[in-house]
C-alpha atoms as a PDB file:
ATOM      1  CA  MET A   1      67.337 103.234 161.129  1.00  0.00           C
ATOM      2  CA  LYS A   2      65.344 103.788 157.920  1.00  0.00           C
ATOM      3  CA  LYS A   3      66.221 106.884 155.901  1.00  0.00           C
ATOM      4  CA  ILE A   4      63.436 109.066 154.513  1.00  0.00           C
ATOM      5  CA  LEU A   5      63.858 111.854 151.974  1.00  0.00           C
ATOM      6  CA  LEU A   6      61.293 114.630 152.411  1.00  0.00           C
ATOM      7  CA  ILE A   7      60.876 116.965 149.418  1.00  0.00           C
ATOM      8  CA  GLU A   8      58.681 119.955 150.330  1.00  0.00           C
ATOM      9  CA  ASP A   9      58.926 123.609 149.343  1.00  0.00           C
ATOM     10  CA  ASN A  10      56.869 124.969 152.268  1.00  0.00           C
ATOM     11  CA  LYS A  11      59.352 125.551 155.091  1.00  0.00           C
ATOM     12  CA  ASP A  12      56.824 125.157 157.919  1.00  0.00           C
ATOM     13  CA  VAL A  13      55.383 121.938 156.521  1.00  0.00           C
ATOM     14  CA  ARG A  14      58.877 120.602 155.796  1.00  0.00           C
ATOM     15  CA  GLU A  15      60.168 121.308 159.304  1.00  0.00           C
ATOM     16  CA  ASN A  16      57.038 120.053 161.084  1.00  0.00           C
ATOM     17  CA  THR A  17      56.909 116.847 159.050  1.00  0.00           C
ATOM     18  CA  ALA A  18      60.646 116.257 159.536  1.00  0.00           C
ATOM     19  CA  GLU A  19      60.181 116.672 163.293  1.00  0.00           C
ATOM     20  CA  ILE A  20      57.381 114.098 163.361  1.00  0.00           C
ATOM     21  CA  LEU A  21      59.490 111.633 161.396  1.00  0.00           C
ATOM     22  CA  GLY A  22      62.485 112.234 163.638  1.00  0.00           C
ATOM     23  CA  LEU A  23      60.401 111.504 166.743  1.00  0.00           C
ATOM     24  CA  ALA A  24      59.306 108.266 165.050  1.00  0.00           C
ATOM     25  CA  GLN A  25      62.988 107.233 164.858  1.00  0.00           C
ATOM     26  CA  TYR A  26      63.498 107.845 161.148  1.00  0.00           C
ATOM     27  CA  ASN A  27      66.652 109.394 159.710  1.00  0.00           C
ATOM     28  CA  VAL A  28      65.277 112.370 157.761  1.00  0.00           C
ATOM     29  CA  VAL A  29      66.912 114.168 154.833  1.00  0.00           C
ATOM     30  CA  THR A  30      65.091 117.221 153.434  1.00  0.00           C
ATOM     31  CA  ALA A  31      65.010 119.111 150.142  1.00  0.00           C
ATOM     32  CA  LYS A  32      63.212 122.360 149.286  1.00  0.00           C
ATOM     33  CA  ASP A  33      62.375 121.540 145.641  1.00  0.00           C
ATOM     34  CA  GLY A  34      62.276 118.681 143.154  1.00  0.00           C
ATOM     35  CA  LYS A  35      65.695 119.344 141.625  1.00  0.00           C
ATOM     36  CA  GLU A  36      67.422 119.277 144.991  1.00  0.00           C
ATOM     37  CA  GLY A  37      65.353 116.227 145.936  1.00  0.00           C
ATOM     38  CA  VAL A  38      66.449 114.230 142.879  1.00  0.00           C
ATOM     39  CA  GLU A  39      70.100 115.054 143.576  1.00  0.00           C
ATOM     40  CA  LEU A  40      69.750 113.994 147.230  1.00  0.00           C
ATOM     41  CA  ALA A  41      67.931 110.786 146.287  1.00  0.00           C
ATOM     42  CA  GLN A  42      70.771 109.794 143.974  1.00  0.00           C
ATOM     43  CA  LYS A  43      73.332 110.608 146.656  1.00  0.00           C
ATOM     44  CA  GLU A  44      71.623 109.367 149.829  1.00  0.00           C
ATOM     45  CA  LYS A  45      69.704 106.326 148.470  1.00  0.00           C
ATOM     46  CA  PRO A  46      66.819 106.702 150.948  1.00  0.00           C
ATOM     47  CA  ASP A  47      64.500 103.852 151.898  1.00  0.00           C
ATOM     48  CA  LEU A  48      61.449 105.974 151.079  1.00  0.00           C
ATOM     49  CA  ILE A  49      60.659 109.340 149.488  1.00  0.00           C
ATOM     50  CA  ILE A  50      57.874 111.723 150.516  1.00  0.00           C
ATOM     51  CA  CYS A  51      57.369 114.444 147.920  1.00  0.00           C
ATOM     52  CA  ASP A  52      55.080 117.443 147.460  1.00  0.00           C
ATOM     53  CA  ILE A  53      53.629 117.888 143.978  1.00  0.00           C
ATOM     54  CA  MET A  54      53.371 121.667 143.540  1.00  0.00           C
ATOM     55  CA  MET A  55      56.938 123.001 143.845  1.00  0.00           C
ATOM     56  CA  PRO A  56      59.202 125.498 142.067  1.00  0.00           C
ATOM     57  CA  VAL A  57      62.135 124.548 139.803  1.00  0.00           C
ATOM     58  CA  LEU A  58      60.949 120.935 139.415  1.00  0.00           C
ATOM     59  CA  ASP A  59      57.566 119.691 140.605  1.00  0.00           C
ATOM     60  CA  GLY A  60      56.790 116.310 142.171  1.00  0.00           C
ATOM     61  CA  HIS A  61      55.744 114.683 138.912  1.00  0.00           C
ATOM     62  CA  GLY A  62      59.012 115.761 137.314  1.00  0.00           C
ATOM     63  CA  ALA A  63      61.020 114.445 140.261  1.00  0.00           C
ATOM     64  CA  LEU A  64      59.268 111.066 140.106  1.00  0.00           C
ATOM     65  CA  HIS A  65      59.824 110.877 136.360  1.00  0.00           C
ATOM     66  CA  LEU A  66      63.580 111.475 136.692  1.00  0.00           C
ATOM     67  CA  LEU A  67      63.970 109.055 139.609  1.00  0.00           C
ATOM     68  CA  SER A  68      62.054 106.319 137.779  1.00  0.00           C
ATOM     69  CA  LYS A  69      64.523 106.554 134.871  1.00  0.00           C
ATOM     70  CA  ASN A  70      67.496 105.901 137.155  1.00  0.00           C
ATOM     71  CA  GLU A  71      68.096 102.230 137.927  1.00  0.00           C
ATOM     72  CA  GLU A  72      69.433 103.035 141.411  1.00  0.00           C
ATOM     73  CA  THR A  73      66.368 105.061 142.462  1.00  0.00           C
ATOM     74  CA  ALA A  74      63.537 103.563 140.383  1.00  0.00           C
ATOM     75  CA  SER A  75      62.436 101.077 143.040  1.00  0.00           C
ATOM     76  CA  ILE A  76      62.479 103.473 146.029  1.00  0.00           C
ATOM     77  CA  PRO A  77      58.923 103.732 147.476  1.00  0.00           C
ATOM     78  CA  PHE A  78      57.433 107.113 146.605  1.00  0.00           C
ATOM     79  CA  ILE A  79      54.602 108.889 148.479  1.00  0.00           C
ATOM     80  CA  PHE A  80      53.074 112.097 147.120  1.00  0.00           C
ATOM     81  CA  LEU A  81      51.927 114.971 149.348  1.00  0.00           C
ATOM     82  CA  THR A  82      49.556 117.517 147.915  1.00  0.00           C
ATOM     83  CA  ALA A  83      46.868 120.009 148.795  1.00  0.00           C
ATOM     84  CA  LYS A  84      45.069 119.067 145.585  1.00  0.00           C
ATOM     85  CA  ALA A  85      42.490 116.334 145.926  1.00  0.00           C
ATOM     86  CA  GLU A  86      41.219 116.120 142.362  1.00  0.00           C
ATOM     87  CA  ARG A  87      40.826 112.626 140.990  1.00  0.00           C
ATOM     88  CA  SER A  88      42.819 113.430 137.840  1.00  0.00           C
ATOM     89  CA  ASP A  89      45.801 114.524 139.916  1.00  0.00           C
ATOM     90  CA  PHE A  90      45.644 111.321 141.955  1.00  0.00           C
ATOM     91  CA  ARG A  91      45.435 109.192 138.822  1.00  0.00           C
ATOM     92  CA  LYS A  92      48.369 110.922 137.122  1.00  0.00           C
ATOM     93  CA  GLY A  93      50.624 110.281 140.105  1.00  0.00           C
ATOM     94  CA  MET A  94      49.678 106.619 140.306  1.00  0.00           C
ATOM     95  CA  GLU A  95      50.097 106.097 136.566  1.00  0.00           C
ATOM     96  CA  MET A  96      53.619 107.499 136.863  1.00  0.00           C
ATOM     97  CA  GLY A  97      54.458 104.915 139.519  1.00  0.00           C
ATOM     98  CA  ALA A  98      53.762 106.575 142.877  1.00  0.00           C
ATOM     99  CA  ASP A  99      53.151 104.081 145.682  1.00  0.00           C
ATOM    100  CA  ASP A 100      50.811 106.175 147.825  1.00  0.00           C
ATOM    101  CA  TYR A 101      49.165 109.572 148.041  1.00  0.00           C
ATOM    102  CA  LEU A 102      48.446 111.791 151.056  1.00  0.00           C
ATOM    103  CA  THR A 103      46.290 114.905 150.856  1.00  0.00           C
ATOM    104  CA  LYS A 104      47.134 117.913 153.017  1.00  0.00           C
ATOM    105  CA  PRO A 105      46.294 118.482 155.762  1.00  0.00           C
ATOM    106  CA  PHE A 106      47.133 115.036 157.156  1.00  0.00           C
ATOM    107  CA  ASP A 107      47.525 113.994 160.775  1.00  0.00           C
ATOM    108  CA  GLU A 108      50.557 112.293 162.325  1.00  0.00           C
ATOM    109  CA  VAL A 109      48.938 108.868 162.527  1.00  0.00           C
ATOM    110  CA  GLU A 110      47.899 108.942 158.872  1.00  0.00           C
ATOM    111  CA  LEU A 111      51.423 109.902 157.790  1.00  0.00           C
ATOM    112  CA  LEU A 112      53.205 107.297 159.938  1.00  0.00           C
ATOM    113  CA  ASN A 113      50.782 104.530 159.001  1.00  0.00           C
ATOM    114  CA  ALA A 114      51.338 105.213 155.297  1.00  0.00           C
ATOM    115  CA  ILE A 115      55.135 105.110 155.757  1.00  0.00           C
ATOM    116  CA  GLU A 116      55.177 101.981 157.926  1.00  0.00           C
ATOM    117  CA  SER A 117      52.806 100.159 155.601  1.00  0.00           C
ATOM    118  CA  ARG A 118      54.849 101.011 152.524  1.00  0.00           C
ATOM    119  CA  LEU A 119      58.187 100.100 154.122  1.00  0.00           C
ATOM    120  CA  LYS A 120      56.796  96.785 155.336  1.00  0.00           C
ATOM    121  CA  LYS A 121      55.447  95.901 151.896  1.00  0.00           C
ATOM    122  CA  THR A 122      58.713  96.897 150.272  1.00  0.00           C
ATOM    123  CA  GLU A 123      60.703  94.625 152.585  1.00  0.00           C
ATOM    124  CA  ILE A 124      58.490  91.715 151.587  1.00  0.00           C
ATOM    125  CA  LEU A 125      58.816  92.474 147.888  1.00  0.00           C
ATOM    126  CA  LYS A 126      62.588  92.886 148.067  1.00  0.00           C
ATOM    127  CA  LYS A 127      63.107  89.331 149.268  1.00  0.00           C
ATOM    128  CA  GLU A 128      64.797  87.437 146.472  1.00  0.00           C
ATOM    129  CA  PHE A 129      63.413  84.169 145.210  1.00  0.00           C
ATOM    130  CA  THR A 130      65.288  81.444 147.070  1.00  0.00           C
ATOM    131  CA  LYS A 131      66.200  78.608 144.773  1.00  0.00           C
ATOM    132  CA  ASN A 132      63.768  76.080 146.205  1.00  0.00           C
ATOM    133  CA  MET A 133      60.031  75.498 146.325  1.00  0.00           C
ATOM    134  CA  ALA A 134      59.665  76.725 149.896  1.00  0.00           C
ATOM    135  CA  GLY A 135      61.157  80.080 148.963  1.00  0.00           C
ATOM    136  CA  ILE A 136      58.814  80.684 146.043  1.00  0.00           C
ATOM    137  CA  ASN A 137      55.730  79.568 147.938  1.00  0.00           C
ATOM    138  CA  ASP A 138      56.746  81.801 150.845  1.00  0.00           C
ATOM    139  CA  PHE A 139      57.134  84.776 148.489  1.00  0.00           C
ATOM    140  CA  ILE A 140      53.751  84.234 146.861  1.00  0.00           C
ATOM    141  CA  ASN A 141      51.966  83.610 150.156  1.00  0.00           C
ATOM    142  CA  GLN A 142      53.387  86.832 151.609  1.00  0.00           C
ATOM    143  CA  ALA A 143      52.556  88.723 148.433  1.00  0.00           C
ATOM    144  CA  LYS A 144      48.902  87.764 148.809  1.00  0.00           C
ATOM    145  CA  GLY A 145      48.623  90.247 151.642  1.00  0.00           C
ATOM    146  CA  ILE A 146      49.752  93.104 149.426  1.00  0.00           C
ATOM    147  CA  ASP A 147      47.022  95.121 147.737  1.00  0.00           C
ATOM    148  CA  SER A 148      48.748  95.153 144.361  1.00  0.00           C
ATOM    149  CA  LEU A 149      49.194  91.357 144.371  1.00  0.00           C
ATOM    150  CA  LYS A 150      46.086  90.173 146.206  1.00  0.00           C
ATOM    151  CA  LYS A 151      44.665  88.387 143.165  1.00  0.00           C
ATOM    152  CA  LEU A 152      47.454  85.840 142.920  1.00  0.00           C
ATOM    153  CA  SER A 153      46.062  82.411 142.139  1.00  0.00           C
ATOM    154  CA  GLU A 154      45.693  79.721 144.794  1.00  0.00           C
ATOM    155  CA  GLU A 155      46.387  76.933 142.324  1.00  0.00           C
ATOM    156  CA  ARG A 156      50.093  76.196 142.154  1.00  0.00           C
ATOM    157  CA  GLU A 157      51.429  72.737 141.537  1.00  0.00           C
ATOM    158  CA  ILE A 158      54.562  70.658 141.217  1.00  0.00           C
ATOM    159  CA  ARG A 159      54.613  68.274 138.293  1.00  0.00           C
ATOM    160  CA  ALA A 160      56.865  65.233 138.034  1.00  0.00           C
ATOM    161  CA  TYR A 161      58.474  64.518 134.647  1.00  0.00           C
ATOM    162  CA  LYS A 162      60.427  61.436 133.624  1.00  0.00           C
ATOM    163  CA  LYS A 163      63.603  61.621 131.557  1.00  0.00           C
ATOM    164  CA  LYS A 164      62.778  62.550 127.920  1.00  0.00           C
ATOM    165  CA  ASP A 165      59.290  63.787 128.844  1.00  0.00           C
ATOM    166  CA  ASP A 166      58.204  67.003 127.128  1.00  0.00           C
ATOM    167  CA  ILE A 167      57.344  69.869 129.481  1.00  0.00           C
ATOM    168  CA  TYR A 168      55.999  71.887 126.565  1.00  0.00           C
ATOM    169  CA  LYS A 169      56.186  71.557 122.791  1.00  0.00           C
ATOM    170  CA  GLU A 170      57.125  73.989 120.051  1.00  0.00           C
ATOM    171  CA  GLY A 171      53.982  75.705 118.801  1.00  0.00           C
ATOM    172  CA  GLY A 172      52.194  75.372 122.137  1.00  0.00           C
ATOM    173  CA  ILE A 173      50.518  78.299 123.881  1.00  0.00           C
ATOM    174  CA  PRO A 174      52.277  79.471 127.091  1.00  0.00           C
ATOM    175  CA  LYS A 175      50.168  79.101 130.226  1.00  0.00           C
ATOM    176  CA  GLY A 176      52.803  80.175 132.717  1.00  0.00           C
ATOM    177  CA  ILE A 177      56.505  80.060 133.528  1.00  0.00           C
ATOM    178  CA  TYR A 178      58.383  77.107 134.934  1.00  0.00           C
ATOM    179  CA  PHE A 179      60.765  76.717 137.859  1.00  0.00           C
ATOM    180  CA  ILE A 180      62.932  73.621 138.337  1.00  0.00           C
ATOM    181  CA  SER A 181      62.715  72.240 141.851  1.00  0.00           C
ATOM    182  CA  LYS A 182      64.765  69.166 140.942  1.00  0.00           C
ATOM    183  CA  GLY A 183      66.438  67.915 137.778  1.00  0.00           C
ATOM    184  CA  LYS A 184      67.747  69.176 134.435  1.00  0.00           C
ATOM    185  CA  VAL A 185      65.932  70.478 131.361  1.00  0.00           C
ATOM    186  CA  LYS A 186      66.958  71.202 127.780  1.00  0.00           C
ATOM    187  CA  LEU A 187      65.423  73.679 125.329  1.00  0.00           C
ATOM    188  CA  VAL A 188      65.385  72.338 121.763  1.00  0.00           C
ATOM    189  CA  GLN A 189      64.708  74.037 118.433  1.00  0.00           C
ATOM    190  CA  ALA A 190      64.077  72.031 115.269  1.00  0.00           C
ATOM    191  CA  SER A 191      65.032  73.084 111.738  1.00  0.00           C
ATOM    192  CA  GLU A 192      62.769  72.611 108.710  1.00  0.00           C
ATOM    193  CA  SER A 193      64.715  69.455 107.874  1.00  0.00           C
ATOM    194  CA  GLY A 194      64.026  68.045 111.343  1.00  0.00           C
ATOM    195  CA  LYS A 195      67.501  68.511 112.792  1.00  0.00           C
ATOM    196  CA  GLU A 196      67.525  69.614 116.415  1.00  0.00           C
ATOM    197  CA  LEU A 197      69.702  72.151 118.226  1.00  0.00           C
ATOM    198  CA  ILE A 198      69.821  72.452 122.016  1.00  0.00           C
ATOM    199  CA  THR A 199      69.753  76.193 122.653  1.00  0.00           C
ATOM    200  CA  GLU A 200      69.511  76.284 126.462  1.00  0.00           C
ATOM    201  CA  LEU A 201      70.285  74.100 129.453  1.00  0.00           C
ATOM    202  CA  TYR A 202      68.562  74.551 132.799  1.00  0.00           C
ATOM    203  CA  LYS A 203      69.142  73.150 136.262  1.00  0.00           C
ATOM    204  CA  GLU A 204      67.594  73.182 139.711  1.00  0.00           C
ATOM    205  CA  GLY A 205      66.706  76.761 140.659  1.00  0.00           C
ATOM    206  CA  ASP A 206      66.288  78.037 137.069  1.00  0.00           C
ATOM    207  CA  PHE A 207      63.234  79.657 135.493  1.00  0.00           C
ATOM    208  CA  PHE A 208      62.316  78.896 131.889  1.00  0.00           C
ATOM    209  CA  GLY A 209      59.461  79.438 129.436  1.00  0.00           C
ATOM    210  CA  HIS A 210      59.190  83.155 130.207  1.00  0.00           C
ATOM    211  CA  LEU A 211      60.406  84.565 126.873  1.00  0.00           C
ATOM    212  CA  SER A 212      57.422  83.355 124.820  1.00  0.00           C
ATOM    213  CA  LEU A 213      55.077  84.402 127.607  1.00  0.00           C
ATOM    214  CA  LEU A 214      56.481  87.941 127.672  1.00  0.00           C
ATOM    215  CA  LYS A 215      56.377  88.174 123.871  1.00  0.00           C
ATOM    216  CA  ASP A 216      52.804  86.794 123.868  1.00  0.00           C
ATOM    217  CA  GLU A 217      53.587  84.218 121.201  1.00  0.00           C
ATOM    218  CA  LYS A 218      53.588  80.465 120.796  1.00  0.00           C
ATOM    219  CA  TYR A 219      56.634  78.520 121.969  1.00  0.00           C
ATOM    220  CA  THR A 220      59.408  78.594 119.382  1.00  0.00           C
ATOM    221  CA  SER A 221      61.167  75.613 120.968  1.00  0.00           C
ATOM    222  CA  SER A 222      60.409  72.533 123.039  1.00  0.00           C
ATOM    223  CA  ALA A 223      61.418  71.935 126.669  1.00  0.00           C
ATOM    224  CA  THR A 224      62.352  68.350 127.541  1.00  0.00           C
ATOM    225  CA  ALA A 225      63.565  66.684 130.743  1.00  0.00           C
ATOM    226  CA  LEU A 226      67.202  65.591 130.585  1.00  0.00           C
ATOM    227  CA  GLU A 227      66.552  63.481 133.686  1.00  0.00           C
ATOM    228  CA  ASP A 228      63.696  62.917 136.131  1.00  0.00           C
ATOM    229  CA  CYS A 229      62.457  66.360 137.190  1.00  0.00           C
ATOM    230  CA  ASP A 230      60.126  68.108 139.588  1.00  0.00           C
ATOM    231  CA  ILE A 231      58.843  71.244 137.874  1.00  0.00           C
ATOM    232  CA  TYR A 232      56.808  74.042 139.424  1.00  0.00           C
ATOM    233  CA  MET A 233      54.567  76.150 137.181  1.00  0.00           C
ATOM    234  CA  LEU A 234      53.653  79.729 138.092  1.00  0.00           C
ATOM    235  CA  PRO A 235      50.415  80.509 136.210  1.00  0.00           C
ATOM    236  CA  LYS A 236      50.399  83.286 133.625  1.00  0.00           C
ATOM    237  CA  GLU A 237      48.180  85.589 135.725  1.00  0.00           C
ATOM    238  CA  ASP A 238      50.432  85.266 138.778  1.00  0.00           C
ATOM    239  CA  PHE A 239      53.566  85.911 136.750  1.00  0.00           C
ATOM    240  CA  PHE A 240      52.235  89.109 135.179  1.00  0.00           C
ATOM    241  CA  SER A 241      51.017  90.318 138.567  1.00  0.00           C
ATOM    242  CA  LEU A 242      54.599  90.040 139.815  1.00  0.00           C
ATOM    243  CA  ILE A 243      56.123  91.599 136.710  1.00  0.00           C
ATOM    244  CA  TYR A 244      53.776  94.573 136.392  1.00  0.00           C
ATOM    245  CA  ARG A 245      53.469  95.449 140.072  1.00  0.00           C
ATOM    246  CA  ASN A 246      56.960  94.882 141.412  1.00  0.00           C
ATOM    247  CA  ALA A 247      60.076  96.643 140.085  1.00  0.00           C
ATOM    248  CA  GLU A 248      62.392  94.178 141.850  1.00  0.00           C
ATOM    249  CA  VAL A 249      60.796  91.169 140.143  1.00  0.00           C
ATOM    250  CA  SER A 250      60.769  92.974 136.781  1.00  0.00           C
ATOM    251  CA  LYS A 251      64.460  93.744 137.130  1.00  0.00           C
ATOM    252  CA  LYS A 252      65.250  90.113 137.954  1.00  0.00           C
ATOM    253  CA  PHE A 253      63.541  88.818 134.821  1.00  0.00           C
ATOM    254  CA  ILE A 254      65.125  91.506 132.646  1.00  0.00           C
ATOM    255  CA  GLU A 255      68.501  90.231 133.873  1.00  0.00           C
ATOM    256  CA  ILE A 256      67.480  86.644 133.092  1.00  0.00           C
ATOM    257  CA  LEU A 257      66.359  87.647 129.598  1.00  0.00           C
ATOM    258  CA  SER A 258      69.503  89.699 128.952  1.00  0.00           C
ATOM    259  CA  ASN A 259      71.756  86.813 129.980  1.00  0.00           C
ATOM    260  CA  SER A 260      69.764  84.398 127.823  1.00  0.00           C
ATOM    261  CA  LEU A 261      69.991  86.605 124.729  1.00  0.00           C
ATOM    262  CA  LEU A 262      73.712  87.161 125.273  1.00  0.00           C
ATOM    263  CA  GLU A 263      74.302  83.406 125.506  1.00  0.00           C
ATOM    264  CA  LYS A 264      72.365  82.811 122.295  1.00  0.00           C
ATOM    265  CA  GLU A 265      74.417  85.441 120.468  1.00  0.00           C
ATOM    266  CA  LYS A 266      77.637  83.751 121.632  1.00  0.00           C
ATOM    267  CA  GLN A 267      76.299  80.368 120.579  1.00  0.00           C
ATOM    268  CA  LEU A 268      75.537  81.596 117.051  1.00  0.00           C
ATOM    269  CA  VAL A 269      79.043  83.036 116.678  1.00  0.00           C
ATOM    270  CA  LYS A 270      80.615  79.770 117.849  1.00  0.00           C
ATOM    271  CA  LEU A 271      78.480  77.700 115.467  1.00  0.00           C
ATOM    272  CA  ALA A 272      79.560  79.934 112.599  1.00  0.00           C
ATOM    273  CA  TYR A 273      83.291  80.153 113.250  1.00  0.00           C
ATOM    274  CA  ASN A 274      84.526  77.393 115.586  1.00  0.00           C
ATOM    275  CA  SER A 275      85.682  73.960 114.468  1.00  0.00           C
ATOM    276  CA  VAL A 276      83.715  70.875 115.532  1.00  0.00           C
ATOM    277  CA  ARG A 277      86.533  69.852 117.861  1.00  0.00           C
ATOM    278  CA  LYS A 278      86.437  73.258 119.548  1.00  0.00           C
ATOM    279  CA  ARG A 279      82.621  73.179 119.786  1.00  0.00           C
ATOM    280  CA  VAL A 280      82.618  69.728 121.406  1.00  0.00           C
ATOM    281  CA  ALA A 281      85.123  70.966 123.982  1.00  0.00           C
ATOM    282  CA  GLU A 282      82.960  74.036 124.609  1.00  0.00           C
ATOM    283  CA  ALA A 283      79.854  71.861 125.004  1.00  0.00           C
ATOM    284  CA  LEU A 284      81.597  69.780 127.672  1.00  0.00           C
ATOM    285  CA  VAL A 285      82.755  72.946 129.433  1.00  0.00           C
ATOM    286  CA  LYS A 286      79.204  74.322 129.246  1.00  0.00           C
ATOM    287  CA  LEU A 287      77.791  71.162 130.836  1.00  0.00           C
ATOM    288  CA  SER A 288      80.403  71.353 133.591  1.00  0.00           C
ATOM    289  CA  ASP A 289      79.786  75.057 134.260  1.00  0.00           C
ATOM    290  CA  LYS A 290      76.042  74.478 134.366  1.00  0.00           C
ATOM    291  CA  TYR A 291      75.778  71.272 136.351  1.00  0.00           C
ATOM    292  CA  LYS A 292      78.953  70.719 138.384  1.00  0.00           C
ATOM    293  CA  LYS A 293      78.277  70.917 142.118  1.00  0.00           C
ATOM    294  CA  GLU A 294      80.646  72.566 144.570  1.00  0.00           C
ATOM    295  CA  THR A 295      81.197  69.225 146.295  1.00  0.00           C
ATOM    296  CA  ASP A 296      82.242  67.468 143.059  1.00  0.00           C
ATOM    297  CA  ILE A 297      85.958  66.734 142.710  1.00  0.00           C
ATOM    298  CA  LYS A 298      85.486  66.225 138.992  1.00  0.00           C
ATOM    299  CA  PHE A 299      82.476  66.681 136.765  1.00  0.00           C
ATOM    300  CA  SER A 300      80.676  63.592 135.493  1.00  0.00           C
ATOM    301  CA  MET A 301      77.360  63.424 133.693  1.00  0.00           C
ATOM    302  CA  ASN A 302      75.260  60.843 131.942  1.00  0.00           C
ATOM    303  CA  VAL A 303      74.584  62.514 128.596  1.00  0.00           C
ATOM    304  CA  SER A 304      73.462  60.906 125.353  1.00  0.00           C
ATOM    305  CA  ARG A 305      75.661  61.410 122.328  1.00  0.00           C
ATOM    306  CA  GLU A 306      72.603  62.673 120.457  1.00  0.00           C
ATOM    307  CA  ASP A 307      72.022  65.401 123.048  1.00  0.00           C
ATOM    308  CA  LEU A 308      75.685  66.368 122.943  1.00  0.00           C
ATOM    309  CA  ALA A 309      75.529  66.529 119.138  1.00  0.00           C
ATOM    310  CA  ASN A 310      72.465  68.763 119.390  1.00  0.00           C
ATOM    311  CA  ILE A 311      74.365  71.146 121.674  1.00  0.00           C
ATOM    312  CA  VAL A 312      77.331  71.195 119.311  1.00  0.00           C
ATOM    313  CA  GLY A 313      75.237  71.434 116.152  1.00  0.00           C
ATOM    314  CA  THR A 314      76.762  68.507 114.283  1.00  0.00           C
ATOM    315  CA  ALA A 315      76.178  64.821 113.507  1.00  0.00           C
ATOM    316  CA  THR A 316      76.148  62.278 116.344  1.00  0.00           C
ATOM    317  CA  GLU A 317      78.862  60.210 114.612  1.00  0.00           C
ATOM    318  CA  THR A 318      81.160  63.256 114.508  1.00  0.00           C
ATOM    319  CA  VAL A 319      80.700  63.834 118.240  1.00  0.00           C
ATOM    320  CA  ILE A 320      81.471  60.171 118.983  1.00  0.00           C
ATOM    321  CA  ARG A 321      84.735  60.354 117.009  1.00  0.00           C
ATOM    322  CA  THR A 322      85.744  63.624 118.723  1.00  0.00           C
ATOM    323  CA  LEU A 323      85.009  62.201 122.182  1.00  0.00           C
ATOM    324  CA  SER A 324      87.187  59.209 121.329  1.00  0.00           C
ATOM    325  CA  ASP A 325      90.033  61.603 120.448  1.00  0.00           C
ATOM    326  CA  PHE A 326      89.548  63.499 123.726  1.00  0.00           C
ATOM    327  CA  LYS A 327      89.664  60.213 125.632  1.00  0.00           C
ATOM    328  CA  GLU A 328      92.980  59.273 124.008  1.00  0.00           C
ATOM    329  CA  GLU A 329      94.331  62.730 124.888  1.00  0.00           C
ATOM    330  CA  LYS A 330      93.362  62.169 128.572  1.00  0.00           C
ATOM    331  CA  LEU A 331      90.966  65.102 128.521  1.00  0.00           C
ATOM    332  CA  ILE A 332      87.957  62.995 129.463  1.00  0.00           C
ATOM    333  CA  GLU A 333      86.931  59.539 130.677  1.00  0.00           C
ATOM    334  CA  ILE A 334      84.033  57.617 129.160  1.00  0.00           C
ATOM    335  CA  SER A 335      82.023  54.901 130.886  1.00  0.00           C
ATOM    336  CA  GLY A 336      78.928  53.952 128.945  1.00  0.00           C
ATOM    337  CA  SER A 337      76.894  57.134 128.552  1.00  0.00           C
ATOM    338  CA  THR A 338      78.764  58.904 131.376  1.00  0.00           C
ATOM    339  CA  ILE A 339      81.435  61.430 130.486  1.00  0.00           C
ATOM    340  CA  SER A 340      83.911  62.643 133.133  1.00  0.00           C
ATOM    341  CA  ILE A 341      86.101  65.672 132.569  1.00  0.00           C
ATOM    342  CA  LEU A 342      89.741  65.091 133.538  1.00  0.00           C
ATOM    343  CA  ASN A 343      91.320  68.311 132.277  1.00  0.00           C
ATOM    344  CA  TYR A 344      88.889  71.235 132.311  1.00  0.00           C
ATOM    345  CA  ASP A 345      91.603  73.840 131.637  1.00  0.00           C
ATOM    346  CA  LYS A 346      92.802  72.159 128.451  1.00  0.00           C
ATOM    347  CA  LEU A 347      89.242  71.842 127.182  1.00  0.00           C
ATOM    348  CA  ILE A 348      88.465  75.493 127.785  1.00  0.00           C
ATOM    349  CA  ASN A 349      91.747  76.586 126.147  1.00  0.00           C
ATOM    350  CA  LEU A 350      91.570  74.167 123.223  1.00  0.00           C
ATOM    351  CA  LYS A 351      92.601  75.942 120.030  1.00  0.00           C
ATOM    352  CA  ASN A 352      90.260  76.219 117.082  1.00  0.00           C
END
């Protein structure tokens, strides 16, 4: 049973509306002013909030403002009730993030239709991206029926890339974000002297290319296929429709960005203070953590020594010598370009 928080200072309106909602099989929680409503919203975590605008103590705009600042309540659908029908009042509520707006007096059908429509749309928007093409296409196709996302583009495509193919180059202009349906991708930055550093590794189910798009700047690195890949591109217009109109999607990409920035900070510290031997061990651990499958007994990967050196931030010859030492110490096995990890724990705990 869906829970609805009704914030209304008029006792008769509050009780009558609560009765209608109860008959419609909703679990109703009521508050007599905005302050009490905010406290109840934080405590009860309702599925939807219906709120009057003109109230004592704290009005509807104030309540919406406070709830939108709280991560736990920011994405709760919010419907305003008001006796005021001025356009400016309507616009202010929508600019603050209200999802709908009902003008008093309203009839039962109008109220219930607004609630059912909003709850249905919210359920669609709350579905997480599944880590496959079908999941993303399903999300976008469903989103097309939502007013706020109806302009999503029809043109979406999967592109096939061979190993070592560039997906985009440093200095290029972002046209969308990328999603890996199959394969592995590396993000590479080049120094003024031409030396390369691999700053990110991506696998099936990962998004990439969004940072430059969000910052509205040219790519500061190049994305290259580590192996044959199938890559899906979500066009720029579609991506911003999702970001600007959907709090759940915005939150997801904020988490992705936060994790990415944290990883880069850690990488810089390691490059500055860790020995080459320690950094090679960490690079192998990173590859294992990123690409090892649950069904794998041990992690093995075909990786060029140049790529490994670019992850570590050192010369290829130095990496080759260190790998030879690790092989003698029974930490890894080497067969051609394939490296297999034999002792993950010793690698991760290797002293500097």
